[in-house]
Amino acid sequence: MQDSISRKLVLAFIEVHILYHAKIHPIYGAWMMAELKQHGYEISAGTLYPIFHNFEKTGLLSSEQKLVSGKMRKYYSITEQGISCLESAKEKIAELSKEIE
């Protein structure tokens, strides 16, 4: 039970992290995995790409394919709906942080 809750929390942190970076600049999978690793999150493509696809399906991210070094790379950018979601999450995180400290 505790592992299940911990996993859900970590995934939520990862999702907020993805939206945050997609707001700064377009992101792609390998870059995002490396960025998350710097913060101690070991995430596989099998976990990351379903998040990207779900965010795209729900309108939080949009994607664009670009040719990079002879290969197609899919870049994800935040949408207006994604920005609104991120801002709401940031407010709730700040409120919770104040309460639990």
N, C-alpha and C. Protein backbone atom coordinates (compact mmCIF):
# COMPACT_ATOMS: atom_id res chain seq x y z
N MET A 1 0.83 -1.20 0.00
CA MET A 1 0.00 0.00 0.00
C MET A 1 0.87 1.25 0.00
N GLN A 2 1.87 1.29 0.90
CA GLN A 2 2.74 2.46 0.98
C GLN A 2 3.52 2.65 -0.33
N ASP A 3 3.98 1.55 -0.93
CA ASP A 3 4.69 1.63 -2.21
C ASP A 3 3.79 2.21 -3.30
N SER A 4 2.53 1.82 -3.30
CA SER A 4 1.58 2.33 -4.28
C SER A 4 1.38 3.84 -4.14
N ILE A 5 1.26 4.29 -2.91
CA ILE A 5 1.09 5.73 -2.65
C ILE A 5 2.36 6.48 -3.04
N SER A 6 3.51 5.95 -2.67
CA SER A 6 4.78 6.59 -3.02
C SER A 6 4.94 6.70 -4.53
N ARG A 7 4.58 5.66 -5.24
CA ARG A 7 4.68 5.67 -6.71
C ARG A 7 3.78 6.74 -7.30
N LYS A 8 2.57 6.86 -6.79
CA LYS A 8 1.64 7.89 -7.29
C LYS A 8 2.18 9.29 -7.03
N LEU A 9 2.76 9.50 -5.87
CA LEU A 9 3.33 10.82 -5.55
C LEU A 9 4.50 11.15 -6.47
N VAL A 10 5.38 10.18 -6.66
CA VAL A 10 6.54 10.40 -7.53
C VAL A 10 6.07 10.70 -8.96
N LEU A 11 5.09 9.95 -9.45
CA LEU A 11 4.58 10.21 -10.80
C LEU A 11 3.96 11.60 -10.90
N ALA A 12 3.28 12.04 -9.86
CA ALA A 12 2.71 13.39 -9.86
C ALA A 12 3.82 14.44 -9.91
N PHE A 13 4.90 14.22 -9.15
CA PHE A 13 6.04 15.16 -9.19
C PHE A 13 6.65 15.19 -10.59
N ILE A 14 6.78 14.03 -11.19
CA ILE A 14 7.34 13.94 -12.54
C ILE A 14 6.45 14.68 -13.53
N GLU A 15 5.15 14.52 -13.41
CA GLU A 15 4.22 15.19 -14.32
C GLU A 15 4.33 16.71 -14.21
N VAL A 16 4.42 17.21 -12.98
CA VAL A 16 4.58 18.66 -12.79
C VAL A 16 5.90 19.11 -13.39
N HIS A 17 6.94 18.32 -13.19
CA HIS A 17 8.26 18.64 -13.72
C HIS A 17 8.22 18.73 -15.26
N ILE A 18 7.52 17.80 -15.88
CA ILE A 18 7.38 17.79 -17.34
C ILE A 18 6.70 19.07 -17.81
N LEU A 19 5.58 19.42 -17.19
CA LEU A 19 4.87 20.64 -17.58
C LEU A 19 5.74 21.88 -17.38
N TYR A 20 6.47 21.91 -16.28
CA TYR A 20 7.35 23.05 -16.00
C TYR A 20 8.36 23.25 -17.12
N HIS A 21 9.05 22.17 -17.50
CA HIS A 21 10.08 22.30 -18.54
C HIS A 21 9.48 22.55 -19.91
N ALA A 22 8.31 21.99 -20.19
CA ALA A 22 7.66 22.23 -21.48
C ALA A 22 7.21 23.68 -21.59
N LYS A 23 7.05 24.36 -20.47
CA LYS A 23 6.71 25.78 -20.49
C LYS A 23 7.94 26.62 -20.85
N ILE A 24 9.11 26.17 -20.44
CA ILE A 24 10.35 26.91 -20.69
C ILE A 24 10.78 26.78 -22.16
N HIS A 25 10.72 25.54 -22.68
CA HIS A 25 11.12 25.27 -24.07
C HIS A 25 10.57 23.91 -24.48
N PRO A 26 10.45 23.66 -25.78
CA PRO A 26 10.01 22.32 -26.21
C PRO A 26 10.96 21.24 -25.69
N ILE A 27 10.39 20.12 -25.30
CA ILE A 27 11.17 19.03 -24.72
C ILE A 27 10.98 17.75 -25.55
N TYR A 28 11.91 16.82 -25.42
CA TYR A 28 11.78 15.51 -26.05
C TYR A 28 12.20 14.46 -25.03
N GLY A 29 11.84 13.23 -25.31
CA GLY A 29 11.97 12.15 -24.35
C GLY A 29 13.33 11.96 -23.73
N ALA A 30 14.37 11.80 -24.55
CA ALA A 30 15.71 11.53 -24.00
C ALA A 30 16.19 12.68 -23.13
N TRP A 31 15.91 13.91 -23.56
CA TRP A 31 16.31 15.07 -22.76
C TRP A 31 15.58 15.07 -21.42
N MET A 32 14.28 14.78 -21.46
CA MET A 32 13.49 14.81 -20.23
C MET A 32 13.92 13.71 -19.27
N MET A 33 14.26 12.54 -19.79
CA MET A 33 14.75 11.46 -18.92
C MET A 33 16.05 11.87 -18.24
N ALA A 34 16.95 12.51 -18.99
CA ALA A 34 18.23 12.97 -18.41
C ALA A 34 17.98 14.06 -17.37
N GLU A 35 17.07 14.97 -17.65
CA GLU A 35 16.74 16.05 -16.70
C GLU A 35 16.17 15.47 -15.41
N LEU A 36 15.25 14.54 -15.54
CA LEU A 36 14.65 13.93 -14.35
C LEU A 36 15.70 13.14 -13.55
N LYS A 37 16.62 12.49 -14.26
CA LYS A 37 17.68 11.72 -13.58
C LYS A 37 18.53 12.64 -12.71
N GLN A 38 18.78 13.88 -13.17
CA GLN A 38 19.55 14.83 -12.37
C GLN A 38 18.86 15.14 -11.04
N HIS A 39 17.57 14.93 -10.98
CA HIS A 39 16.80 15.19 -9.75
C HIS A 39 16.47 13.91 -8.99
N GLY A 40 17.11 12.81 -9.39
CA GLY A 40 16.95 11.56 -8.67
C GLY A 40 15.79 10.69 -9.13
N TYR A 41 15.15 11.05 -10.24
CA TYR A 41 14.05 10.25 -10.77
C TYR A 41 14.56 9.35 -11.88
N GLU A 42 14.58 8.06 -11.63
CA GLU A 42 14.95 7.08 -12.66
C GLU A 42 13.67 6.69 -13.37
N ILE A 43 13.52 7.13 -14.61
CA ILE A 43 12.28 6.89 -15.35
C ILE A 43 12.62 6.28 -16.70
N SER A 44 11.86 5.30 -17.11
CA SER A 44 12.09 4.64 -18.39
C SER A 44 11.22 5.30 -19.46
N ALA A 45 11.57 5.02 -20.71
CA ALA A 45 10.75 5.50 -21.82
C ALA A 45 9.34 4.92 -21.72
N GLY A 46 9.24 3.71 -21.20
CA GLY A 46 7.94 3.06 -21.05
C GLY A 46 7.04 3.74 -20.03
N THR A 47 7.60 4.55 -19.18
CA THR A 47 6.82 5.35 -18.23
C THR A 47 6.63 6.76 -18.76
N LEU A 48 7.68 7.33 -19.35
CA LEU A 48 7.63 8.72 -19.80
C LEU A 48 6.70 8.94 -20.99
N TYR A 49 6.82 8.12 -22.02
CA TYR A 49 6.04 8.37 -23.23
C TYR A 49 4.54 8.25 -23.03
N PRO A 50 4.05 7.32 -22.20
CA PRO A 50 2.61 7.34 -21.93
C PRO A 50 2.15 8.64 -21.25
N ILE A 51 3.02 9.24 -20.42
CA ILE A 51 2.68 10.53 -19.82
C ILE A 51 2.58 11.59 -20.92
N PHE A 52 3.58 11.65 -21.81
CA PHE A 52 3.54 12.58 -22.93
C PHE A 52 2.26 12.38 -23.75
N HIS A 53 1.95 11.14 -24.09
CA HIS A 53 0.78 10.86 -24.93
C HIS A 53 -0.51 11.23 -24.22
N ASN A 54 -0.59 10.95 -22.93
CA ASN A 54 -1.79 11.30 -22.17
C ASN A 54 -1.94 12.82 -22.09
N PHE A 55 -0.84 13.52 -21.85
CA PHE A 55 -0.89 14.99 -21.79
C PHE A 55 -1.30 15.57 -23.14
N GLU A 56 -0.83 14.95 -24.20
CA GLU A 56 -1.21 15.43 -25.54
C GLU A 56 -2.70 15.16 -25.79
N LYS A 57 -3.14 13.97 -25.42
CA LYS A 57 -4.55 13.59 -25.62
C LYS A 57 -5.49 14.49 -24.82
N THR A 58 -5.06 14.90 -23.63
CA THR A 58 -5.92 15.73 -22.77
C THR A 58 -5.71 17.22 -23.00
N GLY A 59 -4.83 17.58 -23.92
CA GLY A 59 -4.67 18.97 -24.30
C GLY A 59 -3.68 19.77 -23.47
N LEU A 60 -2.87 19.11 -22.65
CA LEU A 60 -1.88 19.83 -21.84
C LEU A 60 -0.59 20.09 -22.61
N LEU A 61 -0.27 19.21 -23.56
CA LEU A 61 0.91 19.36 -24.41
C LEU A 61 0.48 19.23 -25.87
N SER A 62 1.26 19.85 -26.74
CA SER A 62 1.13 19.61 -28.18
C SER A 62 2.49 19.12 -28.66
N SER A 63 2.52 18.49 -29.82
CA SER A 63 3.80 17.95 -30.29
C SER A 63 4.07 18.36 -31.73
N GLU A 64 5.35 18.32 -32.06
CA GLU A 64 5.80 18.64 -33.41
C GLU A 64 7.02 17.77 -33.69
N GLN A 65 7.04 17.15 -34.85
CA GLN A 65 8.19 16.33 -35.23
C GLN A 65 9.16 17.17 -36.02
N LYS A 66 10.46 16.98 -35.71
CA LYS A 66 11.53 17.69 -36.42
C LYS A 66 12.62 16.70 -36.78
N LEU A 67 13.25 16.94 -37.90
CA LEU A 67 14.36 16.13 -38.34
C LEU A 67 15.64 16.62 -37.66
N VAL A 68 16.28 15.74 -36.88
CA VAL A 68 17.50 16.09 -36.15
C VAL A 68 18.54 15.01 -36.43
N SER A 69 19.65 15.40 -37.03
CA SER A 69 20.74 14.47 -37.36
C SER A 69 20.23 13.26 -38.14
N GLY A 70 19.35 13.50 -39.08
CA GLY A 70 18.83 12.44 -39.93
C GLY A 70 17.73 11.58 -39.31
N LYS A 71 17.31 11.92 -38.10
CA LYS A 71 16.25 11.14 -37.42
C LYS A 71 15.12 12.08 -37.03
N MET A 72 13.90 11.54 -37.03
CA MET A 72 12.75 12.32 -36.60
C MET A 72 12.70 12.32 -35.07
N ARG A 73 12.53 13.51 -34.50
CA ARG A 73 12.42 13.66 -33.05
C ARG A 73 11.11 14.40 -32.77
N LYS A 74 10.38 13.92 -31.78
CA LYS A 74 9.11 14.53 -31.41
C LYS A 74 9.34 15.47 -30.22
N TYR A 75 9.02 16.74 -30.43
CA TYR A 75 9.14 17.75 -29.39
C TYR A 75 7.77 18.07 -28.83
N TYR A 76 7.71 18.22 -27.52
CA TYR A 76 6.45 18.55 -26.83
C TYR A 76 6.53 19.95 -26.25
N SER A 77 5.46 20.71 -26.45
CA SER A 77 5.35 22.06 -25.91
C SER A 77 4.07 22.16 -25.10
N ILE A 78 4.09 23.02 -24.10
CA ILE A 78 2.92 23.20 -23.25
C ILE A 78 1.86 24.02 -24.01
N THR A 79 0.61 23.75 -23.73
CA THR A 79 -0.51 24.50 -24.31
C THR A 79 -1.03 25.48 -23.26
N GLU A 80 -1.98 26.32 -23.65
CA GLU A 80 -2.59 27.23 -22.68
C GLU A 80 -3.26 26.44 -21.55
N GLN A 81 -3.91 25.35 -21.90
CA GLN A 81 -4.53 24.49 -20.89
C GLN A 81 -3.47 23.89 -19.97
N GLY A 82 -2.33 23.52 -20.52
CA GLY A 82 -1.23 22.99 -19.73
C GLY A 82 -0.67 24.03 -18.77
N ILE A 83 -0.57 25.28 -19.25
CA ILE A 83 -0.09 26.37 -18.39
C ILE A 83 -1.04 26.57 -17.23
N SER A 84 -2.32 26.55 -17.51
CA SER A 84 -3.32 26.70 -16.45
C SER A 84 -3.21 25.57 -15.43
N CYS A 85 -3.04 24.36 -15.91
CA CYS A 85 -2.88 23.20 -15.03
C CYS A 85 -1.62 23.34 -14.18
N LEU A 86 -0.52 23.75 -14.79
CA LEU A 86 0.74 23.93 -14.08
C LEU A 86 0.60 24.99 -13.00
N GLU A 87 0.00 26.12 -13.31
CA GLU A 87 -0.17 27.19 -12.33
C GLU A 87 -1.01 26.72 -11.15
N SER A 88 -2.06 25.98 -11.43
CA SER A 88 -2.90 25.43 -10.36
C SER A 88 -2.10 24.47 -9.48
N ALA A 89 -1.31 23.61 -10.11
CA ALA A 89 -0.49 22.66 -9.36
C ALA A 89 0.53 23.40 -8.49
N LYS A 90 1.14 24.45 -9.03
CA LYS A 90 2.12 25.22 -8.27
C LYS A 90 1.48 25.84 -7.03
N GLU A 91 0.27 26.36 -7.17
CA GLU A 91 -0.43 26.95 -6.03
C GLU A 91 -0.70 25.90 -4.96
N LYS A 92 -1.16 24.74 -5.39
CA LYS A 92 -1.48 23.67 -4.44
C LYS A 92 -0.22 23.13 -3.77
N ILE A 93 0.87 23.04 -4.52
CA ILE A 93 2.15 22.59 -3.95
C ILE A 93 2.64 23.58 -2.91
N ALA A 94 2.57 24.87 -3.23
CA ALA A 94 3.01 25.90 -2.28
C ALA A 94 2.17 25.86 -1.01
N GLU A 95 0.86 25.73 -1.16
CA GLU A 95 -0.02 25.66 0.01
C GLU A 95 0.30 24.45 0.88
N LEU A 96 0.46 23.31 0.26
CA LEU A 96 0.77 22.08 1.00
C LEU A 96 2.14 22.18 1.66
N SER A 97 3.11 22.73 0.95
CA SER A 97 4.45 22.87 1.49
C SER A 97 4.44 23.69 2.78
N LYS A 98 3.70 24.80 2.77
CA LYS A 98 3.59 25.64 3.97
C LYS A 98 2.96 24.87 5.11
N GLU A 99 1.95 24.07 4.79
CA GLU A 99 1.22 23.36 5.84
C GLU A 99 2.04 22.25 6.48
N ILE A 100 2.82 21.52 5.70
CA ILE A 100 3.52 20.36 6.25
C ILE A 100 4.88 20.71 6.83
N GLU A 101 5.36 21.94 6.66
CA GLU A 101 6.67 22.29 7.23
C GLU A 101 6.54 22.79 8.63
